[in-house]
Amino acid sequence: EITVGEFQRTYQAQLQAYRSAYGANMSEQVLKQLGIEQQILQQMVDERAALAEADRVGVAVSDEEVRRRIFSTAAFMENGAFIGEQRYEVALRSQVPPMTKAVFEENLRRSLIIEKLRAALTDWMTVSDAEVEREFTQRNEKVKLLFVALTADKFRDQVAVADADV
């Protein structure tokens, strides 16, 4: 399930991210015209499906893995070291919209689970440069072709053929 409240929180966070990136003139009307609502809903469905699959196959993330990611996130570091628990929580509360430590860490845990699942599914795959180039060419190479269809019936009465020629 995806509740209306979850969707609205995700939508508002995305709206704020767009406004931060593109300025205040990024209106909700423009976003609706771009189909952002449907994209956000699809992302939420994809995330839920990935989490369900990760749970099914036993992919999990420990508290230690979450801590390591937090401690190595540039936004929470100063002079190469973690900024401390108090400043970390202040930084989360200063987000727009404000975020609690628990919510942030749960979101991070979900992201790490999906990251691990993707790695488990794709890390063993290798694709050569030649394969990439061949696929790119196949998908993008286009040919413009013009042709004229000529049927013999249109010209039959204009041609005289002797029995010897036949």
C-alpha atoms as a PDB file:
ATOM      1  CA  GLU A   1       0.000   0.000   0.000  1.00  0.00           C
ATOM      2  CA  ILE A   2       0.963   3.590  -0.619  1.00  0.00           C
ATOM      3  CA  THR A   3      -1.128   5.963   1.440  1.00  0.00           C
ATOM      4  CA  VAL A   4      -2.232   9.415   0.352  1.00  0.00           C
ATOM      5  CA  GLY A   5      -0.165  10.891   3.180  1.00  0.00           C
ATOM      6  CA  GLU A   6       2.988   9.087   2.028  1.00  0.00           C
ATOM      7  CA  PHE A   7       2.417  10.257  -1.523  1.00  0.00           C
ATOM      8  CA  GLN A   8       1.802  13.845  -0.413  1.00  0.00           C
ATOM      9  CA  ARG A   9       4.980  13.889   1.725  1.00  0.00           C
ATOM     10  CA  THR A  10       7.019  12.491  -1.153  1.00  0.00           C
ATOM     11  CA  TYR A  11       5.415  14.924  -3.598  1.00  0.00           C
ATOM     12  CA  GLN A  12       6.078  17.923  -1.325  1.00  0.00           C
ATOM     13  CA  ALA A  13       9.698  16.862  -0.816  1.00  0.00           C
ATOM     14  CA  GLN A  14      10.141  16.524  -4.584  1.00  0.00           C
ATOM     15  CA  LEU A  15       8.447  19.871  -5.184  1.00  0.00           C
ATOM     16  CA  GLN A  16      10.842  21.480  -2.698  1.00  0.00           C
ATOM     17  CA  ALA A  17      13.814  19.811  -4.388  1.00  0.00           C
ATOM     18  CA  TYR A  18      12.726  21.185  -7.777  1.00  0.00           C
ATOM     19  CA  ARG A  19      12.251  24.652  -6.321  1.00  0.00           C
ATOM     20  CA  SER A  20      15.689  24.512  -4.703  1.00  0.00           C
ATOM     21  CA  ALA A  21      17.252  23.436  -7.985  1.00  0.00           C
ATOM     22  CA  TYR A  22      15.281  25.628 -10.421  1.00  0.00           C
ATOM     23  CA  GLY A  23      14.054  28.526  -8.319  1.00  0.00           C
ATOM     24  CA  ALA A  24      10.681  29.561  -6.981  1.00  0.00           C
ATOM     25  CA  ASN A  25       9.237  29.882 -10.485  1.00  0.00           C
ATOM     26  CA  MET A  26       8.913  26.082 -10.618  1.00  0.00           C
ATOM     27  CA  SER A  27       5.185  25.983  -9.963  1.00  0.00           C
ATOM     28  CA  GLU A  28       2.998  23.015  -9.161  1.00  0.00           C
ATOM     29  CA  GLN A  29       1.151  23.661 -12.431  1.00  0.00           C
ATOM     30  CA  VAL A  30       4.365  23.223 -14.438  1.00  0.00           C
ATOM     31  CA  LEU A  31       5.164  20.034 -12.545  1.00  0.00           C
ATOM     32  CA  LYS A  32       1.677  18.677 -13.214  1.00  0.00           C
ATOM     33  CA  GLN A  33       2.109  19.412 -16.926  1.00  0.00           C
ATOM     34  CA  LEU A  34       5.363  17.450 -16.821  1.00  0.00           C
ATOM     35  CA  GLY A  35       3.551  14.491 -15.252  1.00  0.00           C
ATOM     36  CA  ILE A  36       5.592  14.604 -12.050  1.00  0.00           C
ATOM     37  CA  GLU A  37       2.754  13.120  -9.982  1.00  0.00           C
ATOM     38  CA  GLN A  38       2.703   9.976 -12.101  1.00  0.00           C
ATOM     39  CA  GLN A  39       6.502   9.742 -12.052  1.00  0.00           C
ATOM     40  CA  ILE A  40       6.600  10.022  -8.261  1.00  0.00           C
ATOM     41  CA  LEU A  41       3.889   7.392  -7.870  1.00  0.00           C
ATOM     42  CA  GLN A  42       5.744   5.063 -10.244  1.00  0.00           C
ATOM     43  CA  GLN A  43       8.979   5.575  -8.285  1.00  0.00           C
ATOM     44  CA  MET A  44       7.153   4.743  -5.057  1.00  0.00           C
ATOM     45  CA  VAL A  45       5.672   1.577  -6.579  1.00  0.00           C
ATOM     46  CA  ASP A  46       9.079   0.563  -7.954  1.00  0.00           C
ATOM     47  CA  GLU A  47      10.668   1.126  -4.539  1.00  0.00           C
ATOM     48  CA  ARG A  48       8.016  -0.976  -2.803  1.00  0.00           C
ATOM     49  CA  ALA A  49       8.428  -3.769  -5.353  1.00  0.00           C
ATOM     50  CA  ALA A  50      12.217  -3.732  -4.931  1.00  0.00           C
ATOM     51  CA  LEU A  51      11.897  -3.802  -1.131  1.00  0.00           C
ATOM     52  CA  ALA A  52       9.454  -6.716  -1.334  1.00  0.00           C
ATOM     53  CA  GLU A  53      11.873  -8.624  -3.571  1.00  0.00           C
ATOM     54  CA  ALA A  54      14.804  -7.807  -1.273  1.00  0.00           C
ATOM     55  CA  ASP A  55      12.799  -9.130   1.675  1.00  0.00           C
ATOM     56  CA  ARG A  56      11.885 -12.265  -0.301  1.00  0.00           C
ATOM     57  CA  VAL A  57      15.516 -13.065  -1.119  1.00  0.00           C
ATOM     58  CA  GLY A  58      16.834 -12.040   2.299  1.00  0.00           C
ATOM     59  CA  VAL A  59      18.681  -8.815   1.460  1.00  0.00           C
ATOM     60  CA  ALA A  60      18.991  -6.689   4.590  1.00  0.00           C
ATOM     61  CA  VAL A  61      21.031  -3.769   5.900  1.00  0.00           C
ATOM     62  CA  SER A  62      22.412  -3.692   9.425  1.00  0.00           C
ATOM     63  CA  ASP A  63      22.389  -0.696  11.755  1.00  0.00           C
ATOM     64  CA  GLU A  64      26.176  -0.615  11.385  1.00  0.00           C
ATOM     65  CA  GLU A  65      25.898  -0.261   7.600  1.00  0.00           C
ATOM     66  CA  VAL A  66      23.475   2.641   8.043  1.00  0.00           C
ATOM     67  CA  ARG A  67      25.863   4.296  10.524  1.00  0.00           C
ATOM     68  CA  ARG A  68      28.835   3.853   8.202  1.00  0.00           C
ATOM     69  CA  ARG A  69      26.919   5.536   5.367  1.00  0.00           C
ATOM     70  CA  ILE A  70      25.874   8.434   7.583  1.00  0.00           C
ATOM     71  CA  PHE A  71      29.437   8.901   8.855  1.00  0.00           C
ATOM     72  CA  SER A  72      30.762   8.966   5.290  1.00  0.00           C
ATOM     73  CA  THR A  73      28.139  11.354   3.869  1.00  0.00           C
ATOM     74  CA  ALA A  74      29.759  14.661   2.937  1.00  0.00           C
ATOM     75  CA  ALA A  75      26.831  16.693   4.298  1.00  0.00           C
ATOM     76  CA  PHE A  76      27.540  15.276   7.765  1.00  0.00           C
ATOM     77  CA  MET A  77      31.306  15.714   7.702  1.00  0.00           C
ATOM     78  CA  GLU A  78      33.610  18.568   8.605  1.00  0.00           C
ATOM     79  CA  ASN A  79      37.372  18.413   8.180  1.00  0.00           C
ATOM     80  CA  GLY A  80      37.075  14.745   7.267  1.00  0.00           C
ATOM     81  CA  ALA A  81      35.189  13.751  10.425  1.00  0.00           C
ATOM     82  CA  PHE A  82      31.548  13.242  11.412  1.00  0.00           C
ATOM     83  CA  ILE A  83      29.994  16.503  12.688  1.00  0.00           C
ATOM     84  CA  GLY A  84      28.550  14.865  15.798  1.00  0.00           C
ATOM     85  CA  GLU A  85      25.146  13.614  16.815  1.00  0.00           C
ATOM     86  CA  GLN A  86      23.740  16.984  17.862  1.00  0.00           C
ATOM     87  CA  ARG A  87      24.699  18.829  14.641  1.00  0.00           C
ATOM     88  CA  TYR A  88      23.550  15.820  12.623  1.00  0.00           C
ATOM     89  CA  GLU A  89      20.056  16.090  14.124  1.00  0.00           C
ATOM     90  CA  VAL A  90      20.018  19.878  13.651  1.00  0.00           C
ATOM     91  CA  ALA A  91      20.969  19.399   9.991  1.00  0.00           C
ATOM     92  CA  LEU A  92      18.083  16.981   9.505  1.00  0.00           C
ATOM     93  CA  ARG A  93      15.589  19.315  11.203  1.00  0.00           C
ATOM     94  CA  SER A  94      16.747  22.189   8.984  1.00  0.00           C
ATOM     95  CA  GLN A  95      15.717  20.302   5.856  1.00  0.00           C
ATOM     96  CA  VAL A  96      12.644  21.455   3.988  1.00  0.00           C
ATOM     97  CA  PRO A  97      10.466  19.738   4.959  1.00  0.00           C
ATOM     98  CA  PRO A  98      12.109  18.997   8.344  1.00  0.00           C
ATOM     99  CA  MET A  99      13.130  15.405   8.914  1.00  0.00           C
ATOM    100  CA  THR A 100      13.596  13.399  12.078  1.00  0.00           C
ATOM    101  CA  LYS A 101      16.605  11.193  12.633  1.00  0.00           C
ATOM    102  CA  ALA A 102      14.388   8.085  12.614  1.00  0.00           C
ATOM    103  CA  VAL A 103      12.717   8.979   9.301  1.00  0.00           C
ATOM    104  CA  PHE A 104      16.025   9.866   7.646  1.00  0.00           C
ATOM    105  CA  GLU A 105      17.694   6.675   8.798  1.00  0.00           C
ATOM    106  CA  GLU A 106      14.736   4.536   7.696  1.00  0.00           C
ATOM    107  CA  ASN A 107      14.812   6.191   4.251  1.00  0.00           C
ATOM    108  CA  LEU A 108      18.554   5.594   4.116  1.00  0.00           C
ATOM    109  CA  ARG A 109      18.095   1.952   5.130  1.00  0.00           C
ATOM    110  CA  ARG A 110      15.566   1.451   2.308  1.00  0.00           C
ATOM    111  CA  SER A 111      17.937   3.061  -0.189  1.00  0.00           C
ATOM    112  CA  LEU A 112      20.789   0.834   0.955  1.00  0.00           C
ATOM    113  CA  ILE A 113      18.619  -2.287   0.689  1.00  0.00           C
ATOM    114  CA  ILE A 114      17.661  -1.387  -2.879  1.00  0.00           C
ATOM    115  CA  GLU A 115      21.306  -0.602  -3.662  1.00  0.00           C
ATOM    116  CA  LYS A 116      22.344  -4.029  -2.339  1.00  0.00           C
ATOM    117  CA  LEU A 117      19.583  -5.772  -4.300  1.00  0.00           C
ATOM    118  CA  ARG A 118      20.613  -4.048  -7.539  1.00  0.00           C
ATOM    119  CA  ALA A 119      24.242  -4.924  -6.909  1.00  0.00           C
ATOM    120  CA  ALA A 120      23.329  -8.565  -6.303  1.00  0.00           C
ATOM    121  CA  LEU A 121      21.379  -8.636  -9.556  1.00  0.00           C
ATOM    122  CA  THR A 122      23.816  -6.752 -11.772  1.00  0.00           C
ATOM    123  CA  ASP A 123      27.379  -6.839 -10.409  1.00  0.00           C
ATOM    124  CA  TRP A 124      28.123 -10.149 -12.121  1.00  0.00           C
ATOM    125  CA  MET A 125      27.183  -8.726 -15.536  1.00  0.00           C
ATOM    126  CA  THR A 126      29.803  -7.386 -17.874  1.00  0.00           C
ATOM    127  CA  VAL A 127      29.277  -5.730 -21.211  1.00  0.00           C
ATOM    128  CA  SER A 128      32.111  -5.080 -23.609  1.00  0.00           C
ATOM    129  CA  ASP A 129      32.617  -1.737 -25.334  1.00  0.00           C
ATOM    130  CA  ALA A 130      31.888  -3.445 -28.659  1.00  0.00           C
ATOM    131  CA  GLU A 131      28.529  -4.709 -27.352  1.00  0.00           C
ATOM    132  CA  VAL A 132      27.608  -1.242 -26.086  1.00  0.00           C
ATOM    133  CA  GLU A 133      28.581   0.327 -29.410  1.00  0.00           C
ATOM    134  CA  ARG A 134      26.647  -2.296 -31.388  1.00  0.00           C
ATOM    135  CA  GLU A 135      23.515  -1.769 -29.259  1.00  0.00           C
ATOM    136  CA  PHE A 136      23.830   2.019 -29.505  1.00  0.00           C
ATOM    137  CA  THR A 137      24.168   1.812 -33.279  1.00  0.00           C
ATOM    138  CA  GLN A 138      21.217  -0.552 -33.547  1.00  0.00           C
ATOM    139  CA  ARG A 139      18.985   1.716 -31.474  1.00  0.00           C
ATOM    140  CA  ASN A 140      20.089   5.032 -32.951  1.00  0.00           C
ATOM    141  CA  GLU A 141      21.226   4.561 -36.534  1.00  0.00           C
ATOM    142  CA  LYS A 142      18.510   5.695 -38.882  1.00  0.00           C
ATOM    143  CA  VAL A 143      18.139   5.524 -42.629  1.00  0.00           C
ATOM    144  CA  LYS A 144      16.072   7.870 -44.741  1.00  0.00           C
ATOM    145  CA  LEU A 145      14.680   5.971 -47.623  1.00  0.00           C
ATOM    146  CA  LEU A 146      12.658   7.344 -50.518  1.00  0.00           C
ATOM    147  CA  PHE A 147      11.257   5.096 -53.174  1.00  0.00           C
ATOM    148  CA  VAL A 148       8.883   5.205 -56.083  1.00  0.00           C
ATOM    149  CA  ALA A 149       6.677   2.245 -56.782  1.00  0.00           C
ATOM    150  CA  LEU A 150       6.388   1.468 -60.454  1.00  0.00           C
ATOM    151  CA  THR A 151       4.074  -1.225 -61.681  1.00  0.00           C
ATOM    152  CA  ALA A 152       4.394  -2.738 -65.115  1.00  0.00           C
ATOM    153  CA  ASP A 153       0.659  -2.334 -65.771  1.00  0.00           C
ATOM    154  CA  LYS A 154       0.998   1.482 -65.942  1.00  0.00           C
ATOM    155  CA  PHE A 155       3.488   1.243 -68.831  1.00  0.00           C
ATOM    156  CA  ARG A 156       2.281  -1.864 -70.701  1.00  0.00           C
ATOM    157  CA  ASP A 157       0.335   0.073 -73.359  1.00  0.00           C
ATOM    158  CA  GLN A 158       3.372   2.317 -74.087  1.00  0.00           C
ATOM    159  CA  VAL A 159       5.687  -0.525 -75.025  1.00  0.00           C
ATOM    160  CA  ALA A 160       5.586  -2.694 -78.126  1.00  0.00           C
ATOM    161  CA  VAL A 161       7.353  -6.027 -77.852  1.00  0.00           C
ATOM    162  CA  ALA A 162       7.771  -8.307 -80.859  1.00  0.00           C
ATOM    163  CA  ASP A 163       7.345 -12.048 -80.533  1.00  0.00           C
ATOM    164  CA  ALA A 164      11.049 -12.451 -81.280  1.00  0.00           C
ATOM    165  CA  ASP A 165      11.954 -10.172 -78.343  1.00  0.00           C
ATOM    166  CA  VAL A 166       9.804 -12.169 -75.975  1.00  0.00           C
END
